[in-house]
Amino acid sequence: MLQVQLEVEPDPAEVGRARRWARSRLAGSGIAADEPLAETLILLISELVTNAVVHTGCPAVLHMLLPGVPTGEPGTVRVEVADRCARPPRPRHAEGDETNGRGLELVDGLADRWGWQPEGGGKRIWCEVDRCVGAAASASRYSEVALGVR
């Protein structure tokens, strides 16, 4: 099991930096950038980091726990974002052309499991994707969620 982390400042530009960082860590763990699993994980990371930096105004820490490194064995990839804001996440449902409000809905549709827990004076939001078994299913679930089928 490999655990890596990145400190993220409360700046929307940090979301792109977190995606680039995550892509390099996934590649180092044997998950190729063009695999559906990698694409799903990058989208999940993007949504969780965006929520942390946009909605809390606090620094955050992105954690990834990668199984079977470097052998690529099946297992569960876990992504966590911890921040210093005690306010719980509030899932919303975006209507029509609204540009905000889909983040946790996407996380719910793409991850095999997700949740959150209070931590110190803040919280930790996490999601898990089952490697190998969940990769293809997650990619097809993305299409359903993005199209509003699910």
N, C-alpha and C. Protein backbone atom coordinates (compact mmCIF):
# COMPACT_ATOMS: atom_id res chain seq x y z
N MET A 1 0.86 -1.18 0.00
CA MET A 1 0.00 0.00 0.00
C MET A 1 0.90 1.23 0.00
N LEU A 2 0.64 2.12 -0.93
CA LEU A 2 1.36 3.39 -1.00
C LEU A 2 0.41 4.50 -0.59
N GLN A 3 0.86 5.35 0.32
CA GLN A 3 0.06 6.51 0.72
C GLN A 3 0.86 7.75 0.38
N VAL A 4 0.22 8.67 -0.36
CA VAL A 4 0.85 9.94 -0.74
C VAL A 4 -0.08 11.07 -0.38
N GLN A 5 0.48 12.25 -0.17
CA GLN A 5 -0.37 13.40 0.17
C GLN A 5 0.18 14.68 -0.42
N LEU A 6 -0.73 15.64 -0.62
CA LEU A 6 -0.41 16.94 -1.18
C LEU A 6 -1.16 18.00 -0.38
N GLU A 7 -0.46 19.02 0.07
CA GLU A 7 -1.11 20.14 0.74
C GLU A 7 -1.63 21.09 -0.33
N VAL A 8 -2.86 21.56 -0.14
CA VAL A 8 -3.55 22.38 -1.11
C VAL A 8 -3.96 23.69 -0.45
N GLU A 9 -3.64 24.80 -1.09
CA GLU A 9 -4.03 26.12 -0.58
C GLU A 9 -5.46 26.44 -0.99
N PRO A 10 -6.14 27.35 -0.30
CA PRO A 10 -7.52 27.69 -0.64
C PRO A 10 -7.60 28.63 -1.85
N ASP A 11 -7.18 28.11 -3.00
CA ASP A 11 -7.13 28.88 -4.24
C ASP A 11 -7.62 27.97 -5.36
N PRO A 12 -8.59 28.37 -6.14
CA PRO A 12 -9.11 27.51 -7.22
C PRO A 12 -8.03 27.01 -8.19
N ALA A 13 -6.93 27.74 -8.33
CA ALA A 13 -5.84 27.30 -9.21
C ALA A 13 -5.19 26.02 -8.69
N GLU A 14 -5.36 25.74 -7.41
CA GLU A 14 -4.79 24.54 -6.81
C GLU A 14 -5.44 23.26 -7.33
N VAL A 15 -6.65 23.36 -7.85
CA VAL A 15 -7.34 22.17 -8.37
C VAL A 15 -6.55 21.57 -9.53
N GLY A 16 -6.10 22.41 -10.45
CA GLY A 16 -5.28 21.93 -11.57
C GLY A 16 -3.98 21.32 -11.09
N ARG A 17 -3.36 21.95 -10.11
CA ARG A 17 -2.11 21.41 -9.55
C ARG A 17 -2.36 20.05 -8.91
N ALA A 18 -3.48 19.89 -8.22
CA ALA A 18 -3.81 18.61 -7.59
C ALA A 18 -4.04 17.53 -8.65
N ARG A 19 -4.69 17.88 -9.75
CA ARG A 19 -4.90 16.90 -10.84
C ARG A 19 -3.56 16.46 -11.43
N ARG A 20 -2.68 17.43 -11.71
CA ARG A 20 -1.37 17.07 -12.28
C ARG A 20 -0.58 16.18 -11.33
N TRP A 21 -0.59 16.55 -10.06
CA TRP A 21 0.12 15.77 -9.03
C TRP A 21 -0.45 14.36 -8.97
N ALA A 22 -1.78 14.24 -8.96
CA ALA A 22 -2.42 12.93 -8.86
C ALA A 22 -2.09 12.07 -10.09
N ARG A 23 -2.12 12.66 -11.28
CA ARG A 23 -1.79 11.90 -12.49
C ARG A 23 -0.39 11.30 -12.39
N SER A 24 0.56 12.09 -11.91
CA SER A 24 1.93 11.56 -11.81
C SER A 24 2.02 10.46 -10.76
N ARG A 25 1.29 10.58 -9.66
CA ARG A 25 1.32 9.53 -8.63
C ARG A 25 0.62 8.26 -9.11
N LEU A 26 -0.47 8.43 -9.85
CA LEU A 26 -1.16 7.26 -10.40
C LEU A 26 -0.26 6.53 -11.39
N ALA A 27 0.40 7.29 -12.26
CA ALA A 27 1.30 6.66 -13.24
C ALA A 27 2.42 5.90 -12.52
N GLY A 28 2.93 6.48 -11.44
CA GLY A 28 3.98 5.82 -10.67
C GLY A 28 3.49 4.56 -9.97
N SER A 29 2.19 4.42 -9.82
CA SER A 29 1.63 3.23 -9.16
C SER A 29 1.19 2.18 -10.17
N GLY A 30 1.41 2.46 -11.46
CA GLY A 30 1.04 1.49 -12.48
C GLY A 30 -0.33 1.70 -13.08
N ILE A 31 -0.99 2.82 -12.76
CA ILE A 31 -2.30 3.13 -13.34
C ILE A 31 -2.05 4.15 -14.45
N ALA A 32 -2.15 3.70 -15.70
CA ALA A 32 -1.85 4.55 -16.85
C ALA A 32 -2.88 5.68 -16.97
N ALA A 33 -2.44 6.82 -17.45
CA ALA A 33 -3.28 8.01 -17.55
C ALA A 33 -4.50 7.79 -18.43
N ASP A 34 -4.42 6.89 -19.41
CA ASP A 34 -5.55 6.68 -20.31
C ASP A 34 -6.49 5.56 -19.85
N GLU A 35 -6.22 4.96 -18.71
CA GLU A 35 -7.12 3.94 -18.17
C GLU A 35 -8.38 4.59 -17.62
N PRO A 36 -9.53 3.95 -17.78
CA PRO A 36 -10.76 4.51 -17.21
C PRO A 36 -10.64 4.76 -15.71
N LEU A 37 -9.93 3.89 -15.00
CA LEU A 37 -9.75 4.08 -13.56
C LEU A 37 -9.05 5.40 -13.27
N ALA A 38 -8.00 5.70 -14.01
CA ALA A 38 -7.27 6.96 -13.79
C ALA A 38 -8.17 8.15 -14.08
N GLU A 39 -8.92 8.09 -15.17
CA GLU A 39 -9.82 9.19 -15.51
C GLU A 39 -10.86 9.40 -14.42
N THR A 40 -11.40 8.31 -13.89
CA THR A 40 -12.39 8.39 -12.82
C THR A 40 -11.77 9.00 -11.57
N LEU A 41 -10.59 8.54 -11.20
CA LEU A 41 -9.93 9.06 -9.99
C LEU A 41 -9.59 10.54 -10.13
N ILE A 42 -9.13 10.95 -11.29
CA ILE A 42 -8.80 12.36 -11.50
C ILE A 42 -10.06 13.23 -11.37
N LEU A 43 -11.16 12.77 -11.91
CA LEU A 43 -12.41 13.51 -11.78
C LEU A 43 -12.85 13.59 -10.32
N LEU A 44 -12.75 12.49 -9.60
CA LEU A 44 -13.11 12.49 -8.17
C LEU A 44 -12.23 13.45 -7.39
N ILE A 45 -10.93 13.40 -7.65
CA ILE A 45 -9.99 14.30 -6.97
C ILE A 45 -10.33 15.75 -7.29
N SER A 46 -10.61 16.02 -8.54
CA SER A 46 -10.96 17.38 -8.96
C SER A 46 -12.19 17.87 -8.21
N GLU A 47 -13.21 17.05 -8.10
CA GLU A 47 -14.43 17.45 -7.41
C GLU A 47 -14.20 17.67 -5.92
N LEU A 48 -13.50 16.76 -5.26
CA LEU A 48 -13.28 16.89 -3.82
C LEU A 48 -12.38 18.07 -3.48
N VAL A 49 -11.33 18.27 -4.26
CA VAL A 49 -10.44 19.42 -4.01
C VAL A 49 -11.17 20.73 -4.31
N THR A 50 -11.94 20.76 -5.40
CA THR A 50 -12.72 21.96 -5.71
C THR A 50 -13.64 22.31 -4.55
N ASN A 51 -14.36 21.32 -4.04
CA ASN A 51 -15.26 21.57 -2.91
C ASN A 51 -14.49 22.14 -1.73
N ALA A 52 -13.32 21.59 -1.45
CA ALA A 52 -12.55 22.07 -0.30
C ALA A 52 -12.09 23.50 -0.49
N VAL A 53 -11.53 23.83 -1.64
CA VAL A 53 -10.96 25.17 -1.81
C VAL A 53 -12.02 26.24 -2.08
N VAL A 54 -13.11 25.87 -2.73
CA VAL A 54 -14.13 26.86 -3.06
C VAL A 54 -15.10 27.08 -1.90
N HIS A 55 -15.53 26.01 -1.25
CA HIS A 55 -16.59 26.14 -0.26
C HIS A 55 -16.10 26.34 1.17
N THR A 56 -14.82 26.10 1.45
CA THR A 56 -14.35 26.26 2.83
C THR A 56 -13.47 27.47 3.03
N GLY A 57 -12.71 27.86 2.01
CA GLY A 57 -11.76 28.95 2.16
C GLY A 57 -10.59 28.58 3.06
N CYS A 58 -10.39 27.28 3.28
CA CYS A 58 -9.33 26.79 4.17
C CYS A 58 -8.34 25.94 3.36
N PRO A 59 -7.10 25.86 3.84
CA PRO A 59 -6.18 24.90 3.22
C PRO A 59 -6.72 23.48 3.42
N ALA A 60 -6.26 22.57 2.58
CA ALA A 60 -6.70 21.17 2.67
C ALA A 60 -5.51 20.27 2.39
N VAL A 61 -5.69 19.00 2.69
CA VAL A 61 -4.67 17.99 2.38
C VAL A 61 -5.35 16.88 1.60
N LEU A 62 -4.80 16.59 0.42
CA LEU A 62 -5.27 15.50 -0.43
C LEU A 62 -4.42 14.27 -0.14
N HIS A 63 -5.08 13.16 0.16
CA HIS A 63 -4.40 11.88 0.40
C HIS A 63 -4.87 10.88 -0.65
N MET A 64 -3.95 10.06 -1.13
CA MET A 64 -4.31 8.92 -1.98
C MET A 64 -3.67 7.68 -1.38
N LEU A 65 -4.45 6.63 -1.26
CA LEU A 65 -3.96 5.34 -0.81
C LEU A 65 -4.12 4.37 -1.97
N LEU A 66 -2.97 3.86 -2.45
CA LEU A 66 -2.94 3.05 -3.67
C LEU A 66 -2.50 1.63 -3.33
N PRO A 67 -3.31 0.62 -3.64
CA PRO A 67 -2.96 -0.77 -3.33
C PRO A 67 -2.05 -1.37 -4.38
N GLY A 68 -1.37 -2.43 -4.00
CA GLY A 68 -0.62 -3.22 -4.97
C GLY A 68 0.47 -2.49 -5.70
N VAL A 69 1.04 -1.45 -5.09
CA VAL A 69 2.08 -0.68 -5.75
C VAL A 69 3.39 -1.42 -5.59
N PRO A 70 4.17 -1.63 -6.63
CA PRO A 70 3.94 -1.25 -8.02
C PRO A 70 3.39 -2.39 -8.87
N THR A 71 2.86 -3.43 -8.26
CA THR A 71 2.48 -4.63 -9.01
C THR A 71 1.17 -4.49 -9.75
N GLY A 72 0.36 -3.49 -9.44
CA GLY A 72 -0.90 -3.32 -10.13
C GLY A 72 -1.96 -4.32 -9.71
N GLU A 73 -1.81 -4.90 -8.51
CA GLU A 73 -2.77 -5.89 -8.03
C GLU A 73 -4.12 -5.23 -7.77
N PRO A 74 -5.20 -6.04 -7.84
CA PRO A 74 -6.52 -5.50 -7.51
C PRO A 74 -6.56 -5.00 -6.08
N GLY A 75 -7.46 -4.12 -5.82
CA GLY A 75 -7.62 -3.56 -4.49
C GLY A 75 -8.47 -2.31 -4.59
N THR A 76 -8.46 -1.54 -3.54
CA THR A 76 -9.25 -0.33 -3.50
C THR A 76 -8.35 0.89 -3.46
N VAL A 77 -8.63 1.85 -4.33
CA VAL A 77 -7.94 3.13 -4.30
C VAL A 77 -8.81 4.07 -3.47
N ARG A 78 -8.20 4.69 -2.48
CA ARG A 78 -8.94 5.61 -1.61
C ARG A 78 -8.38 7.02 -1.78
N VAL A 79 -9.29 7.97 -1.93
CA VAL A 79 -8.94 9.39 -2.03
C VAL A 79 -9.59 10.08 -0.84
N GLU A 80 -8.83 10.93 -0.16
CA GLU A 80 -9.36 11.68 0.98
C GLU A 80 -8.93 13.14 0.85
N VAL A 81 -9.82 14.04 1.23
CA VAL A 81 -9.47 15.44 1.32
C VAL A 81 -9.89 15.91 2.71
N ALA A 82 -8.89 16.34 3.47
CA ALA A 82 -9.14 16.84 4.83
C ALA A 82 -8.98 18.36 4.82
N ASP A 83 -9.92 19.04 5.47
CA ASP A 83 -9.83 20.49 5.58
C ASP A 83 -10.14 20.92 7.01
N ARG A 84 -9.99 22.19 7.28
CA ARG A 84 -10.16 22.72 8.63
C ARG A 84 -11.53 23.34 8.87
N CYS A 85 -12.46 23.08 8.00
CA CYS A 85 -13.82 23.63 8.14
C CYS A 85 -14.73 22.54 8.68
N ALA A 86 -15.36 22.79 9.81
CA ALA A 86 -16.22 21.79 10.45
C ALA A 86 -17.57 21.63 9.76
N ARG A 87 -17.94 22.57 8.90
CA ARG A 87 -19.24 22.51 8.23
C ARG A 87 -19.31 21.24 7.36
N PRO A 88 -20.37 20.43 7.56
CA PRO A 88 -20.47 19.19 6.78
C PRO A 88 -20.71 19.46 5.30
N PRO A 89 -20.32 18.51 4.45
CA PRO A 89 -20.61 18.69 3.02
C PRO A 89 -22.12 18.67 2.81
N ARG A 90 -22.57 19.44 1.84
CA ARG A 90 -24.01 19.54 1.58
C ARG A 90 -24.27 19.19 0.12
N PRO A 91 -24.65 17.93 -0.13
CA PRO A 91 -24.96 17.55 -1.51
C PRO A 91 -26.12 18.39 -2.04
N ARG A 92 -25.99 18.84 -3.28
CA ARG A 92 -27.05 19.61 -3.94
C ARG A 92 -27.38 18.93 -5.25
N HIS A 93 -28.46 19.36 -5.84
CA HIS A 93 -28.83 18.85 -7.16
C HIS A 93 -28.98 20.05 -8.10
N ALA A 94 -28.11 20.11 -9.09
CA ALA A 94 -28.16 21.21 -10.04
C ALA A 94 -29.28 20.97 -11.04
N GLU A 95 -29.92 22.03 -11.42
CA GLU A 95 -30.99 21.96 -12.40
C GLU A 95 -30.53 22.56 -13.72
N GLY A 96 -30.93 21.97 -14.80
CA GLY A 96 -30.73 22.52 -16.14
C GLY A 96 -29.33 23.02 -16.42
N ASP A 97 -29.21 24.32 -16.67
CA ASP A 97 -27.94 24.92 -17.07
C ASP A 97 -27.09 25.41 -15.91
N GLU A 98 -27.48 25.14 -14.68
CA GLU A 98 -26.68 25.58 -13.55
C GLU A 98 -25.27 25.01 -13.66
N THR A 99 -24.29 25.82 -13.35
CA THR A 99 -22.90 25.39 -13.49
C THR A 99 -22.31 24.86 -12.19
N ASN A 100 -22.99 25.01 -11.09
CA ASN A 100 -22.51 24.51 -9.80
C ASN A 100 -23.53 23.55 -9.21
N GLY A 101 -23.08 22.74 -8.25
CA GLY A 101 -24.00 21.87 -7.54
C GLY A 101 -23.99 20.42 -7.96
N ARG A 102 -23.04 20.03 -8.80
CA ARG A 102 -23.00 18.64 -9.26
C ARG A 102 -21.87 17.83 -8.65
N GLY A 103 -20.99 18.47 -7.89
CA GLY A 103 -19.78 17.81 -7.40
C GLY A 103 -20.03 16.54 -6.60
N LEU A 104 -20.77 16.64 -5.51
CA LEU A 104 -21.00 15.46 -4.69
C LEU A 104 -21.92 14.46 -5.38
N GLU A 105 -22.77 14.94 -6.27
CA GLU A 105 -23.60 14.03 -7.07
C GLU A 105 -22.71 13.18 -7.99
N LEU A 106 -21.68 13.81 -8.58
CA LEU A 106 -20.73 13.06 -9.39
C LEU A 106 -19.93 12.08 -8.54
N VAL A 107 -19.49 12.53 -7.37
CA VAL A 107 -18.74 11.64 -6.48
C VAL A 107 -19.60 10.43 -6.14
N ASP A 108 -20.86 10.65 -5.82
CA ASP A 108 -21.77 9.56 -5.48
C ASP A 108 -21.95 8.60 -6.66
N GLY A 109 -21.99 9.13 -7.86
CA GLY A 109 -22.18 8.29 -9.04
C GLY A 109 -20.95 7.55 -9.50
N LEU A 110 -19.77 8.11 -9.24
CA LEU A 110 -18.53 7.52 -9.75
C LEU A 110 -17.83 6.61 -8.75
N ALA A 111 -17.88 6.96 -7.48
CA ALA A 111 -17.17 6.18 -6.46
C ALA A 111 -17.97 4.95 -6.09
N ASP A 112 -17.25 3.91 -5.70
CA ASP A 112 -17.94 2.72 -5.19
C ASP A 112 -18.49 2.99 -3.79
N ARG A 113 -17.81 3.85 -3.05
CA ARG A 113 -18.25 4.26 -1.72
C ARG A 113 -17.73 5.66 -1.47
N TRP A 114 -18.43 6.45 -0.67
CA TRP A 114 -17.91 7.73 -0.25
C TRP A 114 -18.58 8.12 1.06
N GLY A 115 -17.97 9.05 1.75
CA GLY A 115 -18.54 9.53 2.99
C GLY A 115 -17.68 10.65 3.56
N TRP A 116 -17.97 11.00 4.78
CA TRP A 116 -17.18 12.03 5.45
C TRP A 116 -17.26 11.79 6.94
N GLN A 117 -16.29 12.35 7.66
CA GLN A 117 -16.31 12.28 9.11
C GLN A 117 -15.66 13.52 9.68
N PRO A 118 -16.15 13.96 10.84
CA PRO A 118 -15.50 15.09 11.51
C PRO A 118 -14.08 14.67 11.91
N GLU A 119 -13.18 15.64 11.88
CA GLU A 119 -11.79 15.35 12.25
C GLU A 119 -11.20 16.60 12.88
N GLY A 120 -10.92 16.52 14.19
CA GLY A 120 -10.42 17.70 14.88
C GLY A 120 -11.42 18.83 14.73
N GLY A 121 -10.95 19.99 14.30
CA GLY A 121 -11.84 21.12 14.07
C GLY A 121 -12.36 21.18 12.65
N GLY A 122 -12.11 20.15 11.86
CA GLY A 122 -12.52 20.13 10.46
C GLY A 122 -13.22 18.84 10.09
N LYS A 123 -12.94 18.37 8.88
CA LYS A 123 -13.57 17.14 8.40
C LYS A 123 -12.67 16.47 7.37
N ARG A 124 -12.98 15.22 7.10
CA ARG A 124 -12.31 14.44 6.06
C ARG A 124 -13.40 13.85 5.17
N ILE A 125 -13.35 14.17 3.88
CA ILE A 125 -14.26 13.58 2.90
C ILE A 125 -13.45 12.55 2.12
N TRP A 126 -14.00 11.38 1.95
CA TRP A 126 -13.28 10.30 1.29
C TRP A 126 -14.15 9.61 0.24
N CYS A 127 -13.49 8.96 -0.68
CA CYS A 127 -14.19 8.10 -1.63
C CYS A 127 -13.26 6.95 -1.98
N GLU A 128 -13.86 5.86 -2.41
CA GLU A 128 -13.10 4.67 -2.78
C GLU A 128 -13.58 4.14 -4.13
N VAL A 129 -12.61 3.66 -4.91
CA VAL A 129 -12.91 3.02 -6.19
C VAL A 129 -12.19 1.68 -6.17
N ASP A 130 -12.92 0.62 -6.44
CA ASP A 130 -12.33 -0.71 -6.48
C ASP A 130 -11.54 -0.86 -7.77
N ARG A 131 -10.26 -1.13 -7.63
CA ARG A 131 -9.36 -1.24 -8.78
C ARG A 131 -9.66 -2.50 -9.57
N CYS A 132 -9.55 -2.42 -10.85
CA CYS A 132 -9.81 -3.48 -11.83
C CYS A 132 -11.30 -3.72 -11.97
N VAL A 133 -11.95 -4.28 -10.96
CA VAL A 133 -13.37 -4.57 -11.03
C VAL A 133 -14.16 -3.28 -11.25
N GLY A 134 -13.83 -2.21 -10.53
CA GLY A 134 -14.61 -0.99 -10.59
C GLY A 134 -14.24 -0.06 -11.73
N ALA A 135 -13.11 -0.27 -12.38
CA ALA A 135 -12.65 0.69 -13.37
C ALA A 135 -13.61 0.85 -14.55
N ALA A 136 -13.97 -0.24 -15.18
CA ALA A 136 -14.86 -0.14 -16.33
C ALA A 136 -16.25 0.30 -15.90
N ALA A 137 -16.71 -0.22 -14.77
CA ALA A 137 -18.04 0.16 -14.29
C ALA A 137 -18.09 1.64 -13.95
N SER A 138 -17.01 2.17 -13.36
CA SER A 138 -16.99 3.59 -13.01
C SER A 138 -17.05 4.45 -14.25
N ALA A 139 -16.35 4.05 -15.30
CA ALA A 139 -16.36 4.84 -16.53
C ALA A 139 -17.76 4.89 -17.13
N SER A 140 -18.46 3.76 -17.11
CA SER A 140 -19.82 3.78 -17.66
C SER A 140 -20.77 4.53 -16.73
N ARG A 141 -20.55 4.47 -15.40
CA ARG A 141 -21.38 5.24 -14.47
C ARG A 141 -21.18 6.73 -14.69
N TYR A 142 -19.96 7.15 -15.06
CA TYR A 142 -19.71 8.57 -15.32
C TYR A 142 -20.64 9.06 -16.42
N SER A 143 -20.76 8.28 -17.49
CA SER A 143 -21.63 8.68 -18.60
C SER A 143 -23.06 8.82 -18.12
N GLU A 144 -23.52 7.89 -17.29
CA GLU A 144 -24.89 7.94 -16.78
C GLU A 144 -25.10 9.18 -15.90
N VAL A 145 -24.13 9.44 -15.02
CA VAL A 145 -24.26 10.59 -14.11
C VAL A 145 -24.21 11.88 -14.90
N ALA A 146 -23.26 12.00 -15.82
CA ALA A 146 -23.11 13.23 -16.60
C ALA A 146 -24.35 13.51 -17.45
N LEU A 147 -25.01 12.46 -17.91
CA LEU A 147 -26.19 12.62 -18.74
C LEU A 147 -27.47 12.70 -17.92
N GLY A 148 -27.36 12.51 -16.62
CA GLY A 148 -28.54 12.58 -15.76
C GLY A 148 -29.40 11.34 -15.82
N VAL A 149 -28.83 10.21 -16.27
CA VAL A 149 -29.58 8.97 -16.39
C VAL A 149 -29.75 8.32 -15.02
N ARG A 150 -28.77 8.47 -14.17
CA ARG A 150 -28.77 7.79 -12.88
C ARG A 150 -29.46 8.59 -11.83
